[in-house]
Amino acid sequence: MLRFSSGEEEPGIKTTHRRFDTEFIKEVIDNSNPDRVYVCGPNEMVKSVRSSLEELNFDMSKTFFL
């Protein structure tokens, strides 16, 4: 699960400061095998994530853009 917050550290929550590039998205998908992906954020980020998911041949019927 990718989760965003105000930037303050929260106990027990794993954080990252990486860009959502294809390599990072592949790692997340490979490590969690999601049955659904929800994407929301700035337009350019959403476009980039969509492109990465398509490049990785992720089942886009499991992807929801909010």
N, C-alpha and C. Protein backbone atom coordinates (compact mmCIF):
# COMPACT_ATOMS: atom_id res chain seq x y z
N MET A 1 0.84 -1.17 0.00
CA MET A 1 0.00 0.00 0.00
C MET A 1 0.88 1.23 0.00
N LEU A 2 0.59 2.15 -0.86
CA LEU A 2 1.28 3.44 -0.85
C LEU A 2 0.37 4.42 -0.13
N ARG A 3 0.93 5.14 0.80
CA ARG A 3 0.13 6.05 1.61
C ARG A 3 0.89 7.34 1.78
N PHE A 4 0.19 8.45 1.67
CA PHE A 4 0.83 9.74 1.85
C PHE A 4 0.26 10.41 3.08
N SER A 5 1.09 11.23 3.70
CA SER A 5 0.63 11.95 4.88
C SER A 5 1.21 13.35 4.83
N SER A 6 1.12 14.04 5.94
CA SER A 6 1.61 15.41 6.01
C SER A 6 3.13 15.50 6.00
N GLY A 7 3.80 14.37 6.03
CA GLY A 7 5.26 14.38 6.03
C GLY A 7 5.87 14.07 7.38
N GLU A 8 5.05 14.07 8.41
CA GLU A 8 5.55 13.73 9.73
C GLU A 8 5.67 12.22 9.86
N GLU A 9 6.73 11.76 10.51
CA GLU A 9 6.94 10.32 10.69
C GLU A 9 5.85 9.74 11.58
N GLU A 10 5.38 8.56 11.22
CA GLU A 10 4.37 7.88 12.01
C GLU A 10 4.93 6.54 12.44
N PRO A 11 4.81 6.18 13.71
CA PRO A 11 5.34 4.90 14.19
C PRO A 11 4.74 3.72 13.43
N GLY A 12 5.59 2.79 13.02
CA GLY A 12 5.14 1.58 12.36
C GLY A 12 4.83 1.72 10.88
N ILE A 13 4.99 2.91 10.33
CA ILE A 13 4.70 3.14 8.91
C ILE A 13 6.02 3.24 8.16
N LYS A 14 6.21 2.37 7.16
CA LYS A 14 7.40 2.40 6.33
C LYS A 14 7.26 3.53 5.32
N THR A 15 8.28 4.36 5.21
CA THR A 15 8.22 5.50 4.30
C THR A 15 9.33 5.41 3.26
N THR A 16 9.15 6.15 2.19
CA THR A 16 10.16 6.25 1.16
C THR A 16 10.16 7.66 0.59
N HIS A 17 11.27 8.05 0.06
CA HIS A 17 11.38 9.36 -0.57
C HIS A 17 11.77 9.20 -2.03
N ARG A 18 11.34 8.08 -2.62
CA ARG A 18 11.67 7.78 -4.02
C ARG A 18 10.60 8.33 -4.96
N ARG A 19 11.04 8.60 -6.17
CA ARG A 19 10.12 8.96 -7.25
C ARG A 19 9.35 7.70 -7.66
N PHE A 20 8.11 7.87 -8.07
CA PHE A 20 7.29 6.75 -8.53
C PHE A 20 7.63 6.42 -9.97
N ASP A 21 8.83 5.93 -10.18
CA ASP A 21 9.24 5.54 -11.52
C ASP A 21 8.89 4.07 -11.75
N THR A 22 9.11 3.59 -12.97
CA THR A 22 8.74 2.22 -13.32
C THR A 22 9.43 1.21 -12.42
N GLU A 23 10.69 1.43 -12.10
CA GLU A 23 11.44 0.50 -11.24
C GLU A 23 10.78 0.39 -9.87
N PHE A 24 10.42 1.53 -9.28
CA PHE A 24 9.80 1.52 -7.95
C PHE A 24 8.43 0.83 -8.00
N ILE A 25 7.62 1.15 -9.01
CA ILE A 25 6.30 0.54 -9.13
C ILE A 25 6.42 -0.96 -9.31
N LYS A 26 7.40 -1.41 -10.10
CA LYS A 26 7.62 -2.84 -10.29
C LYS A 26 7.95 -3.51 -8.96
N GLU A 27 8.82 -2.89 -8.16
CA GLU A 27 9.16 -3.44 -6.84
C GLU A 27 7.92 -3.57 -5.96
N VAL A 28 7.08 -2.54 -5.95
CA VAL A 28 5.87 -2.55 -5.11
C VAL A 28 4.94 -3.67 -5.57
N ILE A 29 4.72 -3.77 -6.88
CA ILE A 29 3.83 -4.80 -7.41
C ILE A 29 4.39 -6.19 -7.15
N ASP A 30 5.68 -6.38 -7.40
CA ASP A 30 6.30 -7.69 -7.18
C ASP A 30 6.26 -8.11 -5.71
N ASN A 31 6.40 -7.15 -4.81
CA ASN A 31 6.45 -7.47 -3.38
C ASN A 31 5.07 -7.60 -2.74
N SER A 32 4.03 -7.06 -3.37
CA SER A 32 2.72 -7.08 -2.71
C SER A 32 1.64 -7.79 -3.50
N ASN A 33 1.87 -8.02 -4.80
CA ASN A 33 0.90 -8.70 -5.65
C ASN A 33 -0.52 -8.16 -5.43
N PRO A 34 -0.74 -6.86 -5.69
CA PRO A 34 -2.04 -6.25 -5.38
C PRO A 34 -3.16 -6.77 -6.27
N ASP A 35 -4.37 -6.85 -5.69
CA ASP A 35 -5.52 -7.22 -6.52
C ASP A 35 -6.19 -5.97 -7.09
N ARG A 36 -5.84 -4.79 -6.55
CA ARG A 36 -6.33 -3.51 -7.06
C ARG A 36 -5.28 -2.45 -6.81
N VAL A 37 -5.26 -1.44 -7.68
CA VAL A 37 -4.37 -0.30 -7.49
C VAL A 37 -5.21 0.97 -7.65
N TYR A 38 -5.13 1.85 -6.68
CA TYR A 38 -5.81 3.14 -6.73
C TYR A 38 -4.74 4.22 -6.88
N VAL A 39 -4.95 5.11 -7.83
CA VAL A 39 -3.96 6.16 -8.10
C VAL A 39 -4.66 7.52 -8.07
N CYS A 40 -4.12 8.43 -7.28
CA CYS A 40 -4.59 9.81 -7.33
C CYS A 40 -3.41 10.71 -7.00
N GLY A 41 -3.46 11.91 -7.50
CA GLY A 41 -2.38 12.86 -7.27
C GLY A 41 -2.31 13.85 -8.40
N PRO A 42 -1.21 14.58 -8.48
CA PRO A 42 -1.04 15.54 -9.57
C PRO A 42 -1.11 14.84 -10.93
N ASN A 43 -1.65 15.54 -11.93
CA ASN A 43 -1.86 14.95 -13.26
C ASN A 43 -0.61 14.29 -13.83
N GLU A 44 0.53 14.93 -13.73
CA GLU A 44 1.76 14.37 -14.30
C GLU A 44 2.16 13.08 -13.60
N MET A 45 1.96 13.01 -12.29
CA MET A 45 2.28 11.79 -11.56
C MET A 45 1.34 10.66 -11.98
N VAL A 46 0.06 10.97 -12.09
CA VAL A 46 -0.93 9.96 -12.50
C VAL A 46 -0.60 9.44 -13.88
N LYS A 47 -0.26 10.33 -14.82
CA LYS A 47 0.13 9.91 -16.17
C LYS A 47 1.35 9.00 -16.14
N SER A 48 2.32 9.36 -15.32
CA SER A 48 3.55 8.58 -15.20
C SER A 48 3.27 7.20 -14.63
N VAL A 49 2.45 7.14 -13.58
CA VAL A 49 2.11 5.85 -12.96
C VAL A 49 1.34 4.99 -13.96
N ARG A 50 0.39 5.58 -14.67
CA ARG A 50 -0.38 4.83 -15.68
C ARG A 50 0.56 4.25 -16.73
N SER A 51 1.47 5.07 -17.22
CA SER A 51 2.43 4.63 -18.23
C SER A 51 3.29 3.48 -17.71
N SER A 52 3.74 3.60 -16.48
CA SER A 52 4.58 2.54 -15.88
C SER A 52 3.80 1.25 -15.74
N LEU A 53 2.55 1.34 -15.27
CA LEU A 53 1.74 0.14 -15.11
C LEU A 53 1.49 -0.54 -16.46
N GLU A 54 1.24 0.26 -17.49
CA GLU A 54 1.04 -0.30 -18.82
C GLU A 54 2.32 -0.95 -19.32
N GLU A 55 3.46 -0.29 -19.11
CA GLU A 55 4.76 -0.83 -19.51
C GLU A 55 5.04 -2.17 -18.82
N LEU A 56 4.58 -2.30 -17.59
CA LEU A 56 4.79 -3.52 -16.82
C LEU A 56 3.73 -4.58 -17.11
N ASN A 57 2.83 -4.29 -18.05
CA ASN A 57 1.73 -5.20 -18.41
C ASN A 57 0.83 -5.53 -17.23
N PHE A 58 0.66 -4.57 -16.33
CA PHE A 58 -0.25 -4.75 -15.22
C PHE A 58 -1.68 -4.75 -15.75
N ASP A 59 -2.54 -5.57 -15.19
CA ASP A 59 -3.94 -5.65 -15.61
C ASP A 59 -4.63 -4.33 -15.27
N MET A 60 -4.86 -3.50 -16.29
CA MET A 60 -5.41 -2.17 -16.06
C MET A 60 -6.86 -2.21 -15.59
N SER A 61 -7.54 -3.35 -15.73
CA SER A 61 -8.90 -3.44 -15.20
C SER A 61 -8.90 -3.47 -13.66
N LYS A 62 -7.72 -3.65 -13.08
CA LYS A 62 -7.57 -3.64 -11.62
C LYS A 62 -7.10 -2.28 -11.12
N THR A 63 -7.00 -1.30 -12.03
CA THR A 63 -6.45 0.01 -11.70
C THR A 63 -7.54 1.06 -11.74
N PHE A 64 -7.60 1.88 -10.69
CA PHE A 64 -8.62 2.89 -10.56
C PHE A 64 -7.95 4.25 -10.37
N PHE A 65 -8.28 5.19 -11.22
CA PHE A 65 -7.71 6.53 -11.15
C PHE A 65 -8.75 7.47 -10.56
N LEU A 66 -8.39 8.08 -9.44
CA LEU A 66 -9.35 8.93 -8.71
C LEU A 66 -9.07 10.39 -8.95
